[in-house]
Structure formats: C-alpha cells, structure tokens
Amino acid sequence: MKKLLSVLLVILSLNMAACADNTSEQINSDIKQDISTSTENIVVSLSSVEESSGEIVNYDAGKNNYTKYTEYTALQASPRDLVKGNNDKVLVAYFSRSGNTAITDDIDAISSASLLIRENGDTVGTCESIAEWIAEETGGDLFLIQTEYTYPVDYDQLVEVGEGQDIDGYHPSLCSHLENIEQYDTVYLVYPIWHYTVSVPTCSFLDEYDLSGKTIYAFAANEGSRFADSIERIAEAEPEATVLEGISVNQRQLYDTESTVRNFVKEHMK
C-alpha cells in the first residue's frame, strides 16, 4: 500500500511539474506576443505621425473638398484657353473669383468688392482686372488659374471655403494647365489674400510649376491686409526664383489703383 501511495505521489509530482512548465511556456508566449503587438502598434503610430507631419495634403479632386465647408452647388469647371500676347517671355498668371465661380443672373444681389460688373454688363473680378492691365502693358500671355470645381459666388461662403481649405492644408487640383512654362523669364502672379495669406488655388499653381531662375512679381488683392505673409509663402514654394513685391491692391479702391499698377509695370519693363 505504501509502495502504491509512493508511486502515486511521484506521478502527481511529475504532472504538477509538467503543468507548471506548460503554464510558464504559455505565460512566456503571451508576453512575447504582447511585446510584438506593442512594437507593431508603436511602428504604426510613428508612421501615422510622419504622415500627419504638417505637409500639404494632396486630396483627390472632388466636390466634397469644397462643399464640406459650406452648403452650395459646386460645379465642374470648364478650363479657359491661354490668351496669347506678343511677348512670349512674360506670363501673367492670376486666380480670380470671376473665373472660378458659377456666376448667375442675380449677381447684383451677391456681388462684393472682389466681383464687379462693368458698364457693358460683363462680370469681372479684382484680380482679373489687375492681370489684364499687366498683360496690356507687358504683352505677356494671360493665364487664368482654375480649380477643377467652382467656388461659391456668395462672398461669405467663399471665405468659409477658402479659410477651411487653408486650415486643412488642402491645395485643390487645377483644370487649367500650361504647356511651356520654361519659355517665360518673368511671371506676374496676381492673387487674392485669403485667410491672411496667399489663396490656396494660387498655392496649387506654385505646386505644379517649377519657376526656378525666373523673376516673380507678386500682386495681392486684399481688404486691407496688404501682402500679409504671401511673399514669404511664395518664396518658400519657389526657393530658386526671385520673388519681388509688386502692388498691393485694396479691392474697394480697385480703379483708383489702375495707374499705379500700370506705372509699376512700365518701370520694371525698362
């Protein structure tokens, strides 16, 4: 009986030892798995940080990238052709509200300082007028910067969309493109100030083209903020170009500034 009891005790001891080993192995396996999972999570987290490091986000073009900021009907734009001048060394590139909105017959009710109606009934934007003056004086090619989808005609909504896109770091895709940017030595860049900086469609233009070695004259239409930080932003986008201040135009005093714009261009064409 004692011998049988001893045998049973030995067997029990062996089983307990085996269970202990199995438990230990399981615990070790679980620990290794946890460490591996944690390491993978850390790598994923670091990757996410790198992806959101403040660089410009290039979203796919789409209406939701406009209408998520305000409710309106965004339409797909029809690109305008380049207006050829007689001086193929000068480019006048401009972003204008008048060329990037779906203007309707009730424009009188929603017109603002950045959208004007000429005596002949044509609707024109501040930046479009400035660009036309420059093109007339230089003989340069006239190029409208156009986004793939239209912005709101209503000025307050336009501000909401423009500010929202700037805060989100969203540079919209363009529907108008230049074939021979290399031929130009001088670029007159005309743009509105949005959210106290250069408007995001203008940033899209600077993203698309390498203006290294060229002279860029900046003309900023604004409500009193003058150039804001737009000169610095342009220089940052085009570090190998020479970026110079042109004229800051208060939108509410547009036609009082025409002679100033034309005289500046004449002086720098000498």
C-alpha atoms as a PDB file:
ATOM      1  CA  MET A   1       0.000   0.000   0.000  1.00  0.00           C
ATOM      2  CA  LYS A   2       2.790   2.405   0.948  1.00  0.00           C
ATOM      3  CA  LYS A   3       4.604   1.476  -2.248  1.00  0.00           C
ATOM      4  CA  LEU A   4       1.459   2.237  -4.305  1.00  0.00           C
ATOM      5  CA  LEU A   5       0.998   5.529  -2.464  1.00  0.00           C
ATOM      6  CA  SER A   6       4.612   6.464  -3.193  1.00  0.00           C
ATOM      7  CA  VAL A   7       4.148   5.718  -6.879  1.00  0.00           C
ATOM      8  CA  LEU A   8       1.002   7.856  -6.981  1.00  0.00           C
ATOM      9  CA  LEU A   9       2.812  10.742  -5.274  1.00  0.00           C
ATOM     10  CA  VAL A  10       5.642  10.548  -7.811  1.00  0.00           C
ATOM     11  CA  ILE A  11       3.185  10.571 -10.730  1.00  0.00           C
ATOM     12  CA  LEU A  12       1.308  13.522  -9.199  1.00  0.00           C
ATOM     13  CA  SER A  13       4.542  15.439  -8.733  1.00  0.00           C
ATOM     14  CA  LEU A  14       5.547  14.857 -12.343  1.00  0.00           C
ATOM     15  CA  ASN A  15       2.134  16.036 -13.594  1.00  0.00           C
ATOM     16  CA  MET A  16       2.328  19.197 -11.468  1.00  0.00           C
ATOM     17  CA  ALA A  17       5.811  19.915 -12.789  1.00  0.00           C
ATOM     18  CA  ALA A  18       4.618  19.417 -16.347  1.00  0.00           C
ATOM     19  CA  CYS A  19       1.656  21.742 -15.762  1.00  0.00           C
ATOM     20  CA  ALA A  20       3.978  24.336 -14.274  1.00  0.00           C
ATOM     21  CA  ASP A  21       6.234  24.108 -17.312  1.00  0.00           C
ATOM     22  CA  ASN A  22       3.277  24.406 -19.674  1.00  0.00           C
ATOM     23  CA  THR A  23       1.919  27.409 -17.746  1.00  0.00           C
ATOM     24  CA  SER A  24       5.322  29.042 -17.793  1.00  0.00           C
ATOM     25  CA  GLU A  25       5.682  28.441 -21.509  1.00  0.00           C
ATOM     26  CA  GLN A  26       2.179  29.881 -22.101  1.00  0.00           C
ATOM     27  CA  ILE A  27       2.954  32.953 -20.000  1.00  0.00           C
ATOM     28  CA  ASN A  28       6.221  33.482 -21.869  1.00  0.00           C
ATOM     29  CA  SER A  29       4.429  33.062 -25.175  1.00  0.00           C
ATOM     30  CA  ASP A  30       1.761  35.575 -24.145  1.00  0.00           C
ATOM     31  CA  ILE A  31       4.407  38.071 -23.045  1.00  0.00           C
ATOM     32  CA  LYS A  32       6.276  37.711 -26.338  1.00  0.00           C
ATOM     33  CA  GLN A  33       3.024  38.203 -28.255  1.00  0.00           C
ATOM     34  CA  ASP A  34       2.171  41.309 -26.232  1.00  0.00           C
ATOM     35  CA  ILE A  35       5.632  42.753 -26.836  1.00  0.00           C
ATOM     36  CA  SER A  36       5.388  42.013 -30.558  1.00  0.00           C
ATOM     37  CA  THR A  37       1.920  43.590 -30.781  1.00  0.00           C
ATOM     38  CA  SER A  38       3.032  46.656 -28.820  1.00  0.00           C
ATOM     39  CA  THR A  39       6.044  47.068 -31.102  1.00  0.00           C
ATOM     40  CA  GLU A  40       3.816  46.890 -34.177  1.00  0.00           C
ATOM     41  CA  ASN A  41       1.472  49.473 -32.655  1.00  0.00           C
ATOM     42  CA  ILE A  42       4.402  51.779 -31.952  1.00  0.00           C
ATOM     43  CA  VAL A  43       5.583  51.452 -35.568  1.00  0.00           C
ATOM     44  CA  VAL A  44       2.054  52.193 -36.840  1.00  0.00           C
ATOM     45  CA  SER A  45       1.786  55.194 -34.518  1.00  0.00           C
ATOM     46  CA  LEU A  46       5.117  56.580 -35.677  1.00  0.00           C
ATOM     47  CA  SER A  47       4.043  56.072 -39.282  1.00  0.00           C
ATOM     48  CA  SER A  48       0.835  57.997 -38.585  1.00  0.00           C
ATOM     49  CA  VAL A  49       2.827  60.837 -37.053  1.00  0.00           C
ATOM     50  CA  GLU A  50       5.049  61.001 -40.139  1.00  0.00           C
ATOM     51  CA  GLU A  51       2.014  61.102 -42.417  1.00  0.00           C
ATOM     52  CA  SER A  52       0.486  63.996 -40.455  1.00  0.00           C
ATOM     53  CA  SER A  53       3.687  65.979 -40.058  1.00  0.00           C
ATOM     54  CA  GLY A  54       2.161  69.179 -41.421  1.00  0.00           C
ATOM     55  CA  GLU A  55       2.965  68.608 -45.092  1.00  0.00           C
ATOM     56  CA  ILE A  56       0.406  69.607 -47.705  1.00  0.00           C
ATOM     57  CA  VAL A  57      -2.306  67.000 -48.152  1.00  0.00           C
ATOM     58  CA  ASN A  58      -2.997  66.198 -51.802  1.00  0.00           C
ATOM     59  CA  TYR A  59      -6.580  65.007 -51.723  1.00  0.00           C
ATOM     60  CA  ASP A  60      -8.289  63.680 -54.809  1.00  0.00           C
ATOM     61  CA  ALA A  61     -10.307  66.364 -56.525  1.00  0.00           C
ATOM     62  CA  GLY A  62     -13.963  66.227 -55.584  1.00  0.00           C
ATOM     63  CA  LYS A  63     -16.933  68.335 -54.645  1.00  0.00           C
ATOM     64  CA  ASN A  64     -16.724  67.228 -51.018  1.00  0.00           C
ATOM     65  CA  ASN A  65     -13.417  69.072 -50.675  1.00  0.00           C
ATOM     66  CA  TYR A  66     -15.322  72.310 -51.277  1.00  0.00           C
ATOM     67  CA  THR A  67     -18.855  71.717 -50.012  1.00  0.00           C
ATOM     68  CA  LYS A  68     -17.836  70.281 -46.645  1.00  0.00           C
ATOM     69  CA  TYR A  69     -17.114  73.854 -45.529  1.00  0.00           C
ATOM     70  CA  THR A  70     -20.414  75.365 -46.625  1.00  0.00           C
ATOM     71  CA  GLU A  71     -23.550  74.265 -48.444  1.00  0.00           C
ATOM     72  CA  TYR A  72     -23.642  75.235 -52.118  1.00  0.00           C
ATOM     73  CA  THR A  73     -23.572  73.620 -55.544  1.00  0.00           C
ATOM     74  CA  ALA A  74     -20.005  73.037 -56.731  1.00  0.00           C
ATOM     75  CA  LEU A  75     -19.787  72.539 -60.496  1.00  0.00           C
ATOM     76  CA  GLN A  76     -17.029  71.035 -62.581  1.00  0.00           C
ATOM     77  CA  ALA A  77     -15.166  73.889 -64.254  1.00  0.00           C
ATOM     78  CA  SER A  78     -14.537  74.342 -67.968  1.00  0.00           C
ATOM     79  CA  PRO A  79     -10.921  75.440 -68.488  1.00  0.00           C
ATOM     80  CA  ARG A  80     -10.261  78.652 -70.368  1.00  0.00           C
ATOM     81  CA  ASP A  81      -7.598  78.856 -73.048  1.00  0.00           C
ATOM     82  CA  LEU A  82      -4.375  80.772 -72.563  1.00  0.00           C
ATOM     83  CA  VAL A  83      -4.664  84.280 -74.035  1.00  0.00           C
ATOM     84  CA  LYS A  84      -1.555  84.743 -76.131  1.00  0.00           C
ATOM     85  CA  GLY A  85       0.245  88.078 -76.148  1.00  0.00           C
ATOM     86  CA  ASN A  86       3.141  89.339 -78.245  1.00  0.00           C
ATOM     87  CA  ASN A  87       5.832  88.808 -75.588  1.00  0.00           C
ATOM     88  CA  ASP A  88       6.486  85.107 -75.067  1.00  0.00           C
ATOM     89  CA  LYS A  89       8.950  85.779 -72.240  1.00  0.00           C
ATOM     90  CA  VAL A  90       6.293  87.156 -69.870  1.00  0.00           C
ATOM     91  CA  LEU A  91       3.495  85.242 -68.172  1.00  0.00           C
ATOM     92  CA  VAL A  92       0.649  86.919 -66.300  1.00  0.00           C
ATOM     93  CA  ALA A  93      -0.922  84.205 -64.137  1.00  0.00           C
ATOM     94  CA  TYR A  94      -3.887  85.082 -61.979  1.00  0.00           C
ATOM     95  CA  PHE A  95      -6.500  83.484 -59.773  1.00  0.00           C
ATOM     96  CA  SER A  96      -9.795  85.334 -59.831  1.00  0.00           C
ATOM     97  CA  ARG A  97     -13.170  84.752 -58.268  1.00  0.00           C
ATOM     98  CA  SER A  98     -14.858  85.703 -61.547  1.00  0.00           C
ATOM     99  CA  GLY A  99     -13.161  82.841 -63.385  1.00  0.00           C
ATOM    100  CA  ASN A 100     -13.784  80.275 -60.669  1.00  0.00           C
ATOM    101  CA  THR A 101     -17.441  80.743 -59.752  1.00  0.00           C
ATOM    102  CA  ALA A 102     -20.723  79.815 -61.407  1.00  0.00           C
ATOM    103  CA  ILE A 103     -21.989  83.359 -61.979  1.00  0.00           C
ATOM    104  CA  THR A 104     -25.770  83.624 -62.257  1.00  0.00           C
ATOM    105  CA  ASP A 105     -28.219  86.287 -63.431  1.00  0.00           C
ATOM    106  CA  ASP A 106     -28.817  87.515 -59.864  1.00  0.00           C
ATOM    107  CA  ILE A 107     -25.189  88.557 -59.436  1.00  0.00           C
ATOM    108  CA  ASP A 108     -26.266  92.063 -58.342  1.00  0.00           C
ATOM    109  CA  ALA A 109     -27.643  90.643 -55.123  1.00  0.00           C
ATOM    110  CA  ILE A 110     -24.453  88.844 -54.173  1.00  0.00           C
ATOM    111  CA  SER A 111     -21.766  90.994 -55.701  1.00  0.00           C
ATOM    112  CA  SER A 112     -18.924  92.164 -53.457  1.00  0.00           C
ATOM    113  CA  ALA A 113     -15.645  94.052 -53.555  1.00  0.00           C
ATOM    114  CA  SER A 114     -13.915  91.150 -55.311  1.00  0.00           C
ATOM    115  CA  LEU A 115     -16.546  90.765 -58.031  1.00  0.00           C
ATOM    116  CA  LEU A 116     -17.506  93.745 -60.157  1.00  0.00           C
ATOM    117  CA  ILE A 117     -19.829  94.484 -63.082  1.00  0.00           C
ATOM    118  CA  ARG A 118     -18.517  96.592 -65.951  1.00  0.00           C
ATOM    119  CA  GLU A 119     -20.595  99.165 -67.800  1.00  0.00           C
ATOM    120  CA  ASN A 120     -21.142  96.701 -70.657  1.00  0.00           C
ATOM    121  CA  GLY A 121     -22.596  94.162 -68.218  1.00  0.00           C
ATOM    122  CA  ASP A 122     -19.575  91.846 -68.083  1.00  0.00           C
ATOM    123  CA  THR A 123     -18.682  90.497 -64.641  1.00  0.00           C
ATOM    124  CA  VAL A 124     -15.031  90.806 -63.735  1.00  0.00           C
ATOM    125  CA  GLY A 125     -13.001  90.090 -60.625  1.00  0.00           C
ATOM    126  CA  THR A 126     -10.449  92.363 -58.990  1.00  0.00           C
ATOM    127  CA  CYS A 127      -7.549  90.081 -59.856  1.00  0.00           C
ATOM    128  CA  GLU A 128      -8.788  89.656 -63.413  1.00  0.00           C
ATOM    129  CA  SER A 129      -8.759  93.431 -63.914  1.00  0.00           C
ATOM    130  CA  ILE A 130      -5.244  93.747 -62.479  1.00  0.00           C
ATOM    131  CA  ALA A 131      -3.989  90.889 -64.655  1.00  0.00           C
ATOM    132  CA  GLU A 132      -5.486  92.448 -67.785  1.00  0.00           C
ATOM    133  CA  TRP A 133      -3.759  95.767 -67.064  1.00  0.00           C
ATOM    134  CA  ILE A 134      -0.422  93.999 -66.637  1.00  0.00           C
ATOM    135  CA  ALA A 135      -0.900  91.949 -69.813  1.00  0.00           C
ATOM    136  CA  GLU A 136      -1.707  95.101 -71.778  1.00  0.00           C
ATOM    137  CA  GLU A 137       1.480  96.798 -70.572  1.00  0.00           C
ATOM    138  CA  THR A 138       3.802  93.787 -70.969  1.00  0.00           C
ATOM    139  CA  GLY A 139       2.295  91.984 -73.956  1.00  0.00           C
ATOM    140  CA  GLY A 140       2.612  88.821 -71.895  1.00  0.00           C
ATOM    141  CA  ASP A 141       0.493  85.683 -72.086  1.00  0.00           C
ATOM    142  CA  LEU A 142      -2.580  85.819 -69.842  1.00  0.00           C
ATOM    143  CA  PHE A 143      -3.334  82.646 -67.861  1.00  0.00           C
ATOM    144  CA  LEU A 144      -6.286  82.044 -65.555  1.00  0.00           C
ATOM    145  CA  ILE A 145      -5.608  79.645 -62.670  1.00  0.00           C
ATOM    146  CA  GLN A 146      -8.728  77.469 -62.483  1.00  0.00           C
ATOM    147  CA  THR A 147      -9.679  74.799 -59.973  1.00  0.00           C
ATOM    148  CA  GLU A 148     -11.468  71.632 -61.050  1.00  0.00           C
ATOM    149  CA  TYR A 149     -14.591  72.668 -59.158  1.00  0.00           C
ATOM    150  CA  THR A 150     -16.126  76.099 -58.759  1.00  0.00           C
ATOM    151  CA  TYR A 151     -16.164  78.169 -55.591  1.00  0.00           C
ATOM    152  CA  PRO A 152     -19.303  79.845 -54.184  1.00  0.00           C
ATOM    153  CA  VAL A 153     -20.435  83.075 -55.807  1.00  0.00           C
ATOM    154  CA  ASP A 154     -21.569  84.336 -52.406  1.00  0.00           C
ATOM    155  CA  TYR A 155     -18.620  86.125 -50.799  1.00  0.00           C
ATOM    156  CA  ASP A 156     -19.229  84.933 -47.226  1.00  0.00           C
ATOM    157  CA  GLN A 157     -19.408  81.328 -48.403  1.00  0.00           C
ATOM    158  CA  LEU A 158     -16.273  81.826 -50.472  1.00  0.00           C
ATOM    159  CA  VAL A 159     -14.463  82.971 -47.339  1.00  0.00           C
ATOM    160  CA  GLU A 160     -15.644  79.879 -45.457  1.00  0.00           C
ATOM    161  CA  VAL A 161     -14.383  77.535 -48.160  1.00  0.00           C
ATOM    162  CA  GLY A 162     -11.092  79.353 -48.667  1.00  0.00           C
ATOM    163  CA  GLU A 163     -10.292  79.550 -44.965  1.00  0.00           C
ATOM    164  CA  GLY A 164     -11.307  75.931 -44.419  1.00  0.00           C
ATOM    165  CA  GLN A 165      -9.061  74.685 -47.194  1.00  0.00           C
ATOM    166  CA  ASP A 166      -6.139  76.738 -45.910  1.00  0.00           C
ATOM    167  CA  ILE A 167      -6.550  75.459 -42.345  1.00  0.00           C
ATOM    168  CA  ASP A 168      -6.753  71.875 -43.617  1.00  0.00           C
ATOM    169  CA  GLY A 169      -3.683  72.363 -45.812  1.00  0.00           C
ATOM    170  CA  TYR A 170      -5.694  71.406 -48.872  1.00  0.00           C
ATOM    171  CA  HIS A 171      -4.456  72.597 -52.265  1.00  0.00           C
ATOM    172  CA  PRO A 172      -7.186  71.887 -54.851  1.00  0.00           C
ATOM    173  CA  SER A 173      -6.440  70.264 -58.197  1.00  0.00           C
ATOM    174  CA  LEU A 174      -6.420  72.567 -61.218  1.00  0.00           C
ATOM    175  CA  CYS A 175      -8.207  72.130 -64.531  1.00  0.00           C
ATOM    176  CA  SER A 176      -6.124  74.698 -66.436  1.00  0.00           C
ATOM    177  CA  HIS A 177      -2.511  73.878 -67.307  1.00  0.00           C
ATOM    178  CA  LEU A 178       0.453  75.462 -69.082  1.00  0.00           C
ATOM    179  CA  GLU A 179       2.436  73.524 -71.678  1.00  0.00           C
ATOM    180  CA  ASN A 180       5.626  75.590 -71.866  1.00  0.00           C
ATOM    181  CA  ILE A 181       6.395  77.172 -68.513  1.00  0.00           C
ATOM    182  CA  GLU A 182      10.100  77.045 -69.425  1.00  0.00           C
ATOM    183  CA  GLN A 183       9.766  79.795 -72.053  1.00  0.00           C
ATOM    184  CA  TYR A 184       8.978  82.529 -69.531  1.00  0.00           C
ATOM    185  CA  ASP A 185      11.605  84.650 -67.808  1.00  0.00           C
ATOM    186  CA  THR A 186       9.178  86.811 -65.831  1.00  0.00           C
ATOM    187  CA  VAL A 187       5.961  85.821 -64.078  1.00  0.00           C
ATOM    188  CA  TYR A 188       3.443  88.356 -62.810  1.00  0.00           C
ATOM    189  CA  LEU A 189       1.425  86.471 -60.205  1.00  0.00           C
ATOM    190  CA  VAL A 190      -1.916  88.067 -59.282  1.00  0.00           C
ATOM    191  CA  TYR A 191      -3.935  86.582 -56.436  1.00  0.00           C
ATOM    192  CA  PRO A 192      -6.376  87.456 -53.646  1.00  0.00           C
ATOM    193  CA  ILE A 193      -5.409  87.248 -49.999  1.00  0.00           C
ATOM    194  CA  TRP A 194      -7.458  84.554 -48.250  1.00  0.00           C
ATOM    195  CA  HIS A 195      -7.261  83.856 -44.530  1.00  0.00           C
ATOM    196  CA  TYR A 196      -4.436  86.419 -44.248  1.00  0.00           C
ATOM    197  CA  THR A 197      -2.237  84.522 -46.712  1.00  0.00           C
ATOM    198  CA  VAL A 198      -1.939  83.577 -50.374  1.00  0.00           C
ATOM    199  CA  SER A 199      -5.102  81.888 -51.676  1.00  0.00           C
ATOM    200  CA  VAL A 200      -4.924  78.087 -51.851  1.00  0.00           C
ATOM    201  CA  PRO A 201      -5.553  77.786 -55.642  1.00  0.00           C
ATOM    202  CA  THR A 202      -2.520  80.033 -56.121  1.00  0.00           C
ATOM    203  CA  CYS A 203      -0.578  77.579 -53.953  1.00  0.00           C
ATOM    204  CA  SER A 204      -1.735  74.804 -56.291  1.00  0.00           C
ATOM    205  CA  PHE A 205      -0.229  76.733 -59.206  1.00  0.00           C
ATOM    206  CA  LEU A 206       3.072  77.040 -57.338  1.00  0.00           C
ATOM    207  CA  ASP A 207       2.951  73.321 -56.502  1.00  0.00           C
ATOM    208  CA  GLU A 208       2.553  72.402 -60.167  1.00  0.00           C
ATOM    209  CA  TYR A 209       5.243  74.538 -61.774  1.00  0.00           C
ATOM    210  CA  ASP A 210       8.949  74.913 -61.140  1.00  0.00           C
ATOM    211  CA  LEU A 211       9.714  78.621 -61.528  1.00  0.00           C
ATOM    212  CA  SER A 212      13.418  78.320 -60.731  1.00  0.00           C
ATOM    213  CA  GLY A 213      15.520  81.093 -62.260  1.00  0.00           C
ATOM    214  CA  LYS A 214      12.503  83.269 -63.020  1.00  0.00           C
ATOM    215  CA  THR A 215      11.537  86.639 -61.566  1.00  0.00           C
ATOM    216  CA  ILE A 216       8.123  86.625 -59.885  1.00  0.00           C
ATOM    217  CA  TYR A 217       6.290  89.891 -59.235  1.00  0.00           C
ATOM    218  CA  ALA A 218       3.531  89.412 -56.670  1.00  0.00           C
ATOM    219  CA  PHE A 219       0.309  91.455 -56.881  1.00  0.00           C
ATOM    220  CA  ALA A 220      -2.078  90.904 -53.973  1.00  0.00           C
ATOM    221  CA  ALA A 221      -5.745  91.946 -53.924  1.00  0.00           C
ATOM    222  CA  ASN A 222      -6.960  92.360 -50.362  1.00  0.00           C
ATOM    223  CA  GLU A 223      -9.318  94.066 -47.938  1.00  0.00           C
ATOM    224  CA  GLY A 224      -6.575  95.845 -46.001  1.00  0.00           C
ATOM    225  CA  SER A 225      -4.125  93.079 -45.073  1.00  0.00           C
ATOM    226  CA  ARG A 226      -1.818  94.072 -47.946  1.00  0.00           C
ATOM    227  CA  PHE A 227       0.533  91.165 -48.785  1.00  0.00           C
ATOM    228  CA  ALA A 228       0.151  89.506 -45.362  1.00  0.00           C
ATOM    229  CA  ASP A 229       2.662  86.608 -45.410  1.00  0.00           C
ATOM    230  CA  SER A 230       2.107  85.792 -49.094  1.00  0.00           C
ATOM    231  CA  ILE A 231       5.561  86.912 -50.269  1.00  0.00           C
ATOM    232  CA  GLU A 232       7.197  84.547 -47.799  1.00  0.00           C
ATOM    233  CA  ARG A 233       4.873  81.720 -48.800  1.00  0.00           C
ATOM    234  CA  ILE A 234       5.633  82.202 -52.495  1.00  0.00           C
ATOM    235  CA  ALA A 235       9.373  82.344 -51.841  1.00  0.00           C
ATOM    236  CA  GLU A 236       9.130  79.162 -49.786  1.00  0.00           C
ATOM    237  CA  ALA A 237       7.286  77.389 -52.619  1.00  0.00           C
ATOM    238  CA  GLU A 238       9.751  78.663 -55.253  1.00  0.00           C
ATOM    239  CA  PRO A 239      13.122  78.898 -53.444  1.00  0.00           C
ATOM    240  CA  GLU A 240      15.158  79.156 -56.666  1.00  0.00           C
ATOM    241  CA  ALA A 241      13.100  82.053 -58.062  1.00  0.00           C
ATOM    242  CA  THR A 242      13.467  85.771 -57.354  1.00  0.00           C
ATOM    243  CA  VAL A 243      10.249  86.877 -55.628  1.00  0.00           C
ATOM    244  CA  LEU A 244       9.544  90.620 -55.522  1.00  0.00           C
ATOM    245  CA  GLU A 245       6.689  92.747 -54.229  1.00  0.00           C
ATOM    246  CA  GLY A 246       4.549  94.223 -56.938  1.00  0.00           C
ATOM    247  CA  ILE A 247       1.490  96.206 -55.861  1.00  0.00           C
ATOM    248  CA  SER A 248      -0.931  95.541 -53.024  1.00  0.00           C
ATOM    249  CA  VAL A 249      -4.404  96.496 -54.249  1.00  0.00           C
ATOM    250  CA  ASN A 250      -7.280  97.253 -51.916  1.00  0.00           C
ATOM    251  CA  GLN A 251     -10.296  95.691 -53.607  1.00  0.00           C
ATOM    252  CA  ARG A 252     -12.541  98.592 -52.632  1.00  0.00           C
ATOM    253  CA  GLN A 253     -10.233 101.052 -54.379  1.00  0.00           C
ATOM    254  CA  LEU A 254      -9.515  98.980 -57.476  1.00  0.00           C
ATOM    255  CA  TYR A 255      -9.922 101.577 -60.202  1.00  0.00           C
ATOM    256  CA  ASP A 256      -8.083 104.205 -58.167  1.00  0.00           C
ATOM    257  CA  THR A 257      -5.071 101.847 -58.349  1.00  0.00           C
ATOM    258  CA  GLU A 258      -5.024 101.266 -62.117  1.00  0.00           C
ATOM    259  CA  SER A 259      -2.457 103.949 -62.890  1.00  0.00           C
ATOM    260  CA  THR A 260      -0.249 102.732 -60.023  1.00  0.00           C
ATOM    261  CA  VAL A 261      -0.271  99.182 -61.387  1.00  0.00           C
ATOM    262  CA  ARG A 262       0.404 100.263 -64.961  1.00  0.00           C
ATOM    263  CA  ASN A 263       3.229 102.638 -63.963  1.00  0.00           C
ATOM    264  CA  PHE A 264       4.891  99.955 -61.843  1.00  0.00           C
ATOM    265  CA  VAL A 265       4.883  97.531 -64.769  1.00  0.00           C
ATOM    266  CA  LYS A 266       6.190 100.145 -67.220  1.00  0.00           C
ATOM    267  CA  GLU A 267       9.036 100.996 -64.859  1.00  0.00           C
ATOM    268  CA  HIS A 268      10.088  97.371 -64.469  1.00  0.00           C
ATOM    269  CA  MET A 269       9.841  96.673 -68.189  1.00  0.00           C
ATOM    270  CA  LYS A 270      12.677  99.098 -68.925  1.00  0.00           C
END
